[in-house]
Amino acid sequence: MEKPQRVFRTERISPEEAARLDEIRRQAQRDFPPSAAGPLPALTGIGAQVRAAREARNLSWYSLAELASIPDAATIRDVEYGRDVQLSHLEAIAAALNLSLELVEHR
């Protein structure tokens, strides 16, 4: 059996095409809702802050990964879900979102 090839966009899409693709995503989510038992994004901490900053800039996981020069968009998901990631990836994500990481002493 032949392995399907992945398709990558090399140019920006029109607003009409973006709206069409958004409608397809919404329909797919209605037809195949995510499992309630599945993992959920973090509600607090770095993951929640990264997600809020990404969404405020209307970026997908894929576009943020590209901006941060991270080869796998799943890394963005891992940050948002509170999973362990490389510090260098977290620094690159923060820089791409114009955020800074800092250590704060607990008192």
C-alpha atoms as a PDB file:
ATOM      1  CA  MET A   1       0.000   0.000   0.000  1.00  0.00           C
ATOM      2  CA  GLU A   2       1.363   3.395  -0.980  1.00  0.00           C
ATOM      3  CA  LYS A   3       1.956   5.872   1.819  1.00  0.00           C
ATOM      4  CA  PRO A   4      -0.010   9.127   1.297  1.00  0.00           C
ATOM      5  CA  GLN A   5       2.063  12.236   0.669  1.00  0.00           C
ATOM      6  CA  ARG A   6       1.737  15.277   2.885  1.00  0.00           C
ATOM      7  CA  VAL A   7       0.805  18.543   1.248  1.00  0.00           C
ATOM      8  CA  PHE A   8       2.416  21.778   2.390  1.00  0.00           C
ATOM      9  CA  ARG A   9       1.298  25.280   1.480  1.00  0.00           C
ATOM     10  CA  THR A  10       4.005  27.527   0.098  1.00  0.00           C
ATOM     11  CA  GLU A  11       1.915  30.685  -0.123  1.00  0.00           C
ATOM     12  CA  ARG A  12      -0.713  32.514   1.913  1.00  0.00           C
ATOM     13  CA  ILE A  13      -4.339  31.609   1.369  1.00  0.00           C
ATOM     14  CA  SER A  14      -7.110  34.028   0.536  1.00  0.00           C
ATOM     15  CA  PRO A  15      -9.627  35.098   3.193  1.00  0.00           C
ATOM     16  CA  GLU A  16     -12.321  33.180   1.302  1.00  0.00           C
ATOM     17  CA  GLU A  17     -10.234  29.988   1.347  1.00  0.00           C
ATOM     18  CA  ALA A  18      -9.485  30.491   5.064  1.00  0.00           C
ATOM     19  CA  ALA A  19     -13.221  30.863   5.774  1.00  0.00           C
ATOM     20  CA  ARG A  20     -13.966  27.716   3.737  1.00  0.00           C
ATOM     21  CA  LEU A  21     -11.333  25.724   5.659  1.00  0.00           C
ATOM     22  CA  ASP A  22     -12.614  27.056   8.997  1.00  0.00           C
ATOM     23  CA  GLU A  23     -16.118  25.859   8.110  1.00  0.00           C
ATOM     24  CA  ILE A  24     -14.739  22.413   7.242  1.00  0.00           C
ATOM     25  CA  ARG A  25     -12.970  22.298  10.649  1.00  0.00           C
ATOM     26  CA  ARG A  26     -16.151  23.354  12.468  1.00  0.00           C
ATOM     27  CA  GLN A  27     -18.192  20.705  10.642  1.00  0.00           C
ATOM     28  CA  ALA A  28     -15.590  18.031  11.440  1.00  0.00           C
ATOM     29  CA  GLN A  29     -15.682  18.998  15.126  1.00  0.00           C
ATOM     30  CA  ARG A  30     -19.501  18.796  15.113  1.00  0.00           C
ATOM     31  CA  ASP A  31     -19.425  15.400  13.364  1.00  0.00           C
ATOM     32  CA  PHE A  32     -16.534  14.034  15.440  1.00  0.00           C
ATOM     33  CA  PRO A  33     -16.498  15.860  18.797  1.00  0.00           C
ATOM     34  CA  PRO A  34     -13.369  15.440  20.908  1.00  0.00           C
ATOM     35  CA  SER A  35     -13.558  12.916  23.692  1.00  0.00           C
ATOM     36  CA  ALA A  36     -14.346  14.410  27.072  1.00  0.00           C
ATOM     37  CA  ALA A  37     -11.922  11.899  28.565  1.00  0.00           C
ATOM     38  CA  GLY A  38      -9.018  13.234  26.475  1.00  0.00           C
ATOM     39  CA  PRO A  39      -6.349  15.627  27.703  1.00  0.00           C
ATOM     40  CA  LEU A  40      -7.235  19.300  28.056  1.00  0.00           C
ATOM     41  CA  PRO A  41      -5.066  22.402  27.717  1.00  0.00           C
ATOM     42  CA  ALA A  42      -3.598  23.831  30.903  1.00  0.00           C
ATOM     43  CA  LEU A  43      -5.825  26.390  32.620  1.00  0.00           C
ATOM     44  CA  THR A  44      -2.987  28.146  34.464  1.00  0.00           C
ATOM     45  CA  GLY A  45       0.733  28.673  34.153  1.00  0.00           C
ATOM     46  CA  ILE A  46       2.993  28.899  31.141  1.00  0.00           C
ATOM     47  CA  GLY A  47       0.815  26.687  28.952  1.00  0.00           C
ATOM     48  CA  ALA A  48      -2.254  28.872  29.446  1.00  0.00           C
ATOM     49  CA  GLN A  49      -0.229  32.036  28.834  1.00  0.00           C
ATOM     50  CA  VAL A  50       1.285  30.670  25.625  1.00  0.00           C
ATOM     51  CA  ARG A  51      -2.143  29.590  24.383  1.00  0.00           C
ATOM     52  CA  ALA A  52      -3.682  32.997  25.166  1.00  0.00           C
ATOM     53  CA  ALA A  53      -0.844  34.839  23.406  1.00  0.00           C
ATOM     54  CA  ARG A  54      -1.027  32.508  20.388  1.00  0.00           C
ATOM     55  CA  GLU A  55      -4.798  32.883  20.078  1.00  0.00           C
ATOM     56  CA  ALA A  56      -4.599  36.680  20.537  1.00  0.00           C
ATOM     57  CA  ARG A  57      -2.339  36.744  17.474  1.00  0.00           C
ATOM     58  CA  ASN A  58      -4.606  34.329  15.543  1.00  0.00           C
ATOM     59  CA  LEU A  59      -1.791  31.811  15.114  1.00  0.00           C
ATOM     60  CA  SER A  60      -2.211  28.083  14.703  1.00  0.00           C
ATOM     61  CA  TRP A  61       0.143  25.586  16.340  1.00  0.00           C
ATOM     62  CA  TYR A  62       1.743  25.145  12.926  1.00  0.00           C
ATOM     63  CA  SER A  63       2.303  28.825  12.218  1.00  0.00           C
ATOM     64  CA  LEU A  64       3.725  29.426  15.710  1.00  0.00           C
ATOM     65  CA  ALA A  65       6.075  26.468  15.317  1.00  0.00           C
ATOM     66  CA  GLU A  66       7.253  27.937  12.023  1.00  0.00           C
ATOM     67  CA  LEU A  67       7.783  31.394  13.599  1.00  0.00           C
ATOM     68  CA  ALA A  68       9.731  29.809  16.452  1.00  0.00           C
ATOM     69  CA  SER A  69      11.757  27.586  14.054  1.00  0.00           C
ATOM     70  CA  ILE A  70      10.525  24.456  15.809  1.00  0.00           C
ATOM     71  CA  PRO A  71      10.266  21.455  13.464  1.00  0.00           C
ATOM     72  CA  ASP A  72       7.231  19.834  15.109  1.00  0.00           C
ATOM     73  CA  ALA A  73       3.992  21.726  15.800  1.00  0.00           C
ATOM     74  CA  ALA A  74       3.137  19.111  18.438  1.00  0.00           C
ATOM     75  CA  THR A  75       5.684  20.870  20.654  1.00  0.00           C
ATOM     76  CA  ILE A  76       3.348  23.875  20.819  1.00  0.00           C
ATOM     77  CA  ARG A  77       0.508  21.576  21.866  1.00  0.00           C
ATOM     78  CA  ASP A  78       2.740  19.977  24.484  1.00  0.00           C
ATOM     79  CA  VAL A  79       3.513  23.386  26.011  1.00  0.00           C
ATOM     80  CA  GLU A  80      -0.165  24.338  26.054  1.00  0.00           C
ATOM     81  CA  TYR A  81      -1.109  21.018  27.665  1.00  0.00           C
ATOM     82  CA  GLY A  82       1.516  21.411  30.401  1.00  0.00           C
ATOM     83  CA  ARG A  83       3.779  18.616  29.184  1.00  0.00           C
ATOM     84  CA  ASP A  84       7.570  18.617  29.483  1.00  0.00           C
ATOM     85  CA  VAL A  85       9.398  20.341  26.616  1.00  0.00           C
ATOM     86  CA  GLN A  86      12.943  21.458  25.972  1.00  0.00           C
ATOM     87  CA  LEU A  87      13.792  24.799  27.501  1.00  0.00           C
ATOM     88  CA  SER A  88      15.242  25.933  24.160  1.00  0.00           C
ATOM     89  CA  HIS A  89      11.861  25.285  22.517  1.00  0.00           C
ATOM     90  CA  LEU A  90      10.036  27.187  25.249  1.00  0.00           C
ATOM     91  CA  GLU A  91      12.452  30.112  24.822  1.00  0.00           C
ATOM     92  CA  ALA A  92      11.903  30.113  21.047  1.00  0.00           C
ATOM     93  CA  ILE A  93       8.108  30.052  21.491  1.00  0.00           C
ATOM     94  CA  ALA A  94       8.245  32.922  23.975  1.00  0.00           C
ATOM     95  CA  ALA A  95      10.442  34.971  21.638  1.00  0.00           C
ATOM     96  CA  ALA A  96       8.109  34.308  18.677  1.00  0.00           C
ATOM     97  CA  LEU A  97       5.179  35.568  20.778  1.00  0.00           C
ATOM     98  CA  ASN A  98       7.185  38.558  22.048  1.00  0.00           C
ATOM     99  CA  LEU A  99       7.047  37.183  25.606  1.00  0.00           C
ATOM    100  CA  SER A 100       9.887  36.760  28.081  1.00  0.00           C
ATOM    101  CA  LEU A 101      10.680  33.955  30.482  1.00  0.00           C
ATOM    102  CA  GLU A 102      11.978  34.797  33.904  1.00  0.00           C
ATOM    103  CA  LEU A 103      12.731  32.958  37.123  1.00  0.00           C
ATOM    104  CA  VAL A 104      10.986  34.318  40.186  1.00  0.00           C
ATOM    105  CA  GLU A 105      12.018  33.436  43.700  1.00  0.00           C
ATOM    106  CA  HIS A 106       9.260  31.935  45.850  1.00  0.00           C
ATOM    107  CA  ARG A 107       8.910  33.591  49.238  1.00  0.00           C
END
